[in-house]
C-alpha atoms as a PDB file:
ATOM      1  CA  MET A   1     -69.410 -27.552 104.706  1.00  0.00           C
ATOM      2  CA  SER A   2     -70.871 -24.471 103.122  1.00  0.00           C
ATOM      3  CA  LYS A   3     -72.599 -24.468  99.756  1.00  0.00           C
ATOM      4  CA  HIS A   4     -70.870 -22.307  97.167  1.00  0.00           C
ATOM      5  CA  THR A   5     -73.422 -20.549  94.954  1.00  0.00           C
ATOM      6  CA  ILE A   6     -73.881 -17.033  93.619  1.00  0.00           C
ATOM      7  CA  THR A   7     -76.817 -15.500  91.768  1.00  0.00           C
ATOM      8  CA  MET A   8     -76.708 -13.674  88.450  1.00  0.00           C
ATOM      9  CA  LYS A   9     -77.907 -10.581  90.330  1.00  0.00           C
ATOM     10  CA  GLU A  10     -74.833 -10.763  92.572  1.00  0.00           C
ATOM     11  CA  ILE A  11     -72.605 -11.229  89.489  1.00  0.00           C
ATOM     12  CA  GLN A  12     -74.226  -8.157  87.925  1.00  0.00           C
ATOM     13  CA  ASN A  13     -73.587  -6.167  91.118  1.00  0.00           C
ATOM     14  CA  MET A  14     -69.913  -7.181  90.969  1.00  0.00           C
ATOM     15  CA  ILE A  15     -69.753  -6.046  87.323  1.00  0.00           C
ATOM     16  CA  ASN A  16     -71.342  -2.713  88.298  1.00  0.00           C
ATOM     17  CA  ASN A  17     -68.654  -2.326  90.982  1.00  0.00           C
ATOM     18  CA  GLY A  18     -65.819  -2.709  88.474  1.00  0.00           C
ATOM     19  CA  ILE A  19     -65.159  -6.462  88.161  1.00  0.00           C
ATOM     20  CA  THR A  20     -64.281  -7.106  84.495  1.00  0.00           C
ATOM     21  CA  THR A  21     -63.144 -10.763  84.453  1.00  0.00           C
ATOM     22  CA  PHE A  22     -63.775 -14.059  86.204  1.00  0.00           C
ATOM     23  CA  SER A  23     -61.949 -17.383  86.179  1.00  0.00           C
ATOM     24  CA  LYS A  24     -64.432 -19.910  84.780  1.00  0.00           C
ATOM     25  CA  LYS A  25     -64.162 -23.700  85.169  1.00  0.00           C
ATOM     26  CA  ASP A  26     -63.324 -25.627  81.993  1.00  0.00           C
ATOM     27  CA  ASN A  27     -61.763 -28.938  80.941  1.00  0.00           C
ATOM     28  CA  SER A  28     -58.227 -27.633  80.394  1.00  0.00           C
ATOM     29  CA  PRO A  29     -55.277 -29.029  82.387  1.00  0.00           C
ATOM     30  CA  ARG A  30     -55.319 -25.860  84.499  1.00  0.00           C
ATOM     31  CA  GLY A  31     -59.030 -26.326  85.266  1.00  0.00           C
ATOM     32  CA  CYS A  32     -60.178 -22.799  84.478  1.00  0.00           C
ATOM     33  CA  LYS A  33     -59.793 -19.914  82.071  1.00  0.00           C
ATOM     34  CA  THR A  34     -60.205 -16.166  82.402  1.00  0.00           C
ATOM     35  CA  VAL A  35     -63.273 -14.764  80.643  1.00  0.00           C
ATOM     36  CA  ALA A  36     -65.005 -11.397  80.468  1.00  0.00           C
ATOM     37  CA  ALA A  37     -67.509 -10.932  83.285  1.00  0.00           C
ATOM     38  CA  THR A  38     -70.262 -10.338  80.745  1.00  0.00           C
ATOM     39  CA  GLU A  39     -69.785 -13.911  79.388  1.00  0.00           C
ATOM     40  CA  ILE A  40     -70.855 -15.550  82.670  1.00  0.00           C
ATOM     41  CA  GLN A  41     -74.127 -17.487  82.430  1.00  0.00           C
ATOM     42  CA  ILE A  42     -76.364 -19.528  84.731  1.00  0.00           C
ATOM     43  CA  GLY A  43     -74.788 -22.949  85.311  1.00  0.00           C
ATOM     44  CA  ASP A  44     -71.183 -21.758  85.000  1.00  0.00           C
ATOM     45  CA  LYS A  45     -68.738 -22.290  87.844  1.00  0.00           C
ATOM     46  CA  VAL A  46     -66.547 -19.280  88.641  1.00  0.00           C
ATOM     47  CA  VAL A  47     -63.706 -18.921  91.111  1.00  0.00           C
ATOM     48  CA  ILE A  48     -64.640 -16.824  94.136  1.00  0.00           C
ATOM     49  CA  ASP A  49     -62.480 -16.894  97.286  1.00  0.00           C
ATOM     50  CA  ASN A  50     -60.465 -19.827  95.841  1.00  0.00           C
ATOM     51  CA  TYR A  51     -63.570 -22.025  95.398  1.00  0.00           C
ATOM     52  CA  PHE A  52     -65.525 -22.945  92.290  1.00  0.00           C
ATOM     53  CA  THR A  53     -68.885 -21.281  92.838  1.00  0.00           C
ATOM     54  CA  LEU A  54     -71.994 -22.283  90.879  1.00  0.00           C
ATOM     55  CA  VAL A  55     -73.875 -19.413  89.209  1.00  0.00           C
ATOM     56  CA  THR A  56     -77.644 -19.686  89.778  1.00  0.00           C
ATOM     57  CA  GLU A  57     -80.647 -17.588  88.716  1.00  0.00           C
END
């Protein structure tokens, strides 16, 4: 089983390459919501390749 993590630097690189939104885990029935890429913070879980991925430093 692989560990799903991504760094803020990698998130910033994705933003620089044109990514504008991410699906972020929340407590809604759907399990996530779409937010602006600039709202992502350390500790959030975002959907990448159909997996919730923890954002680290």
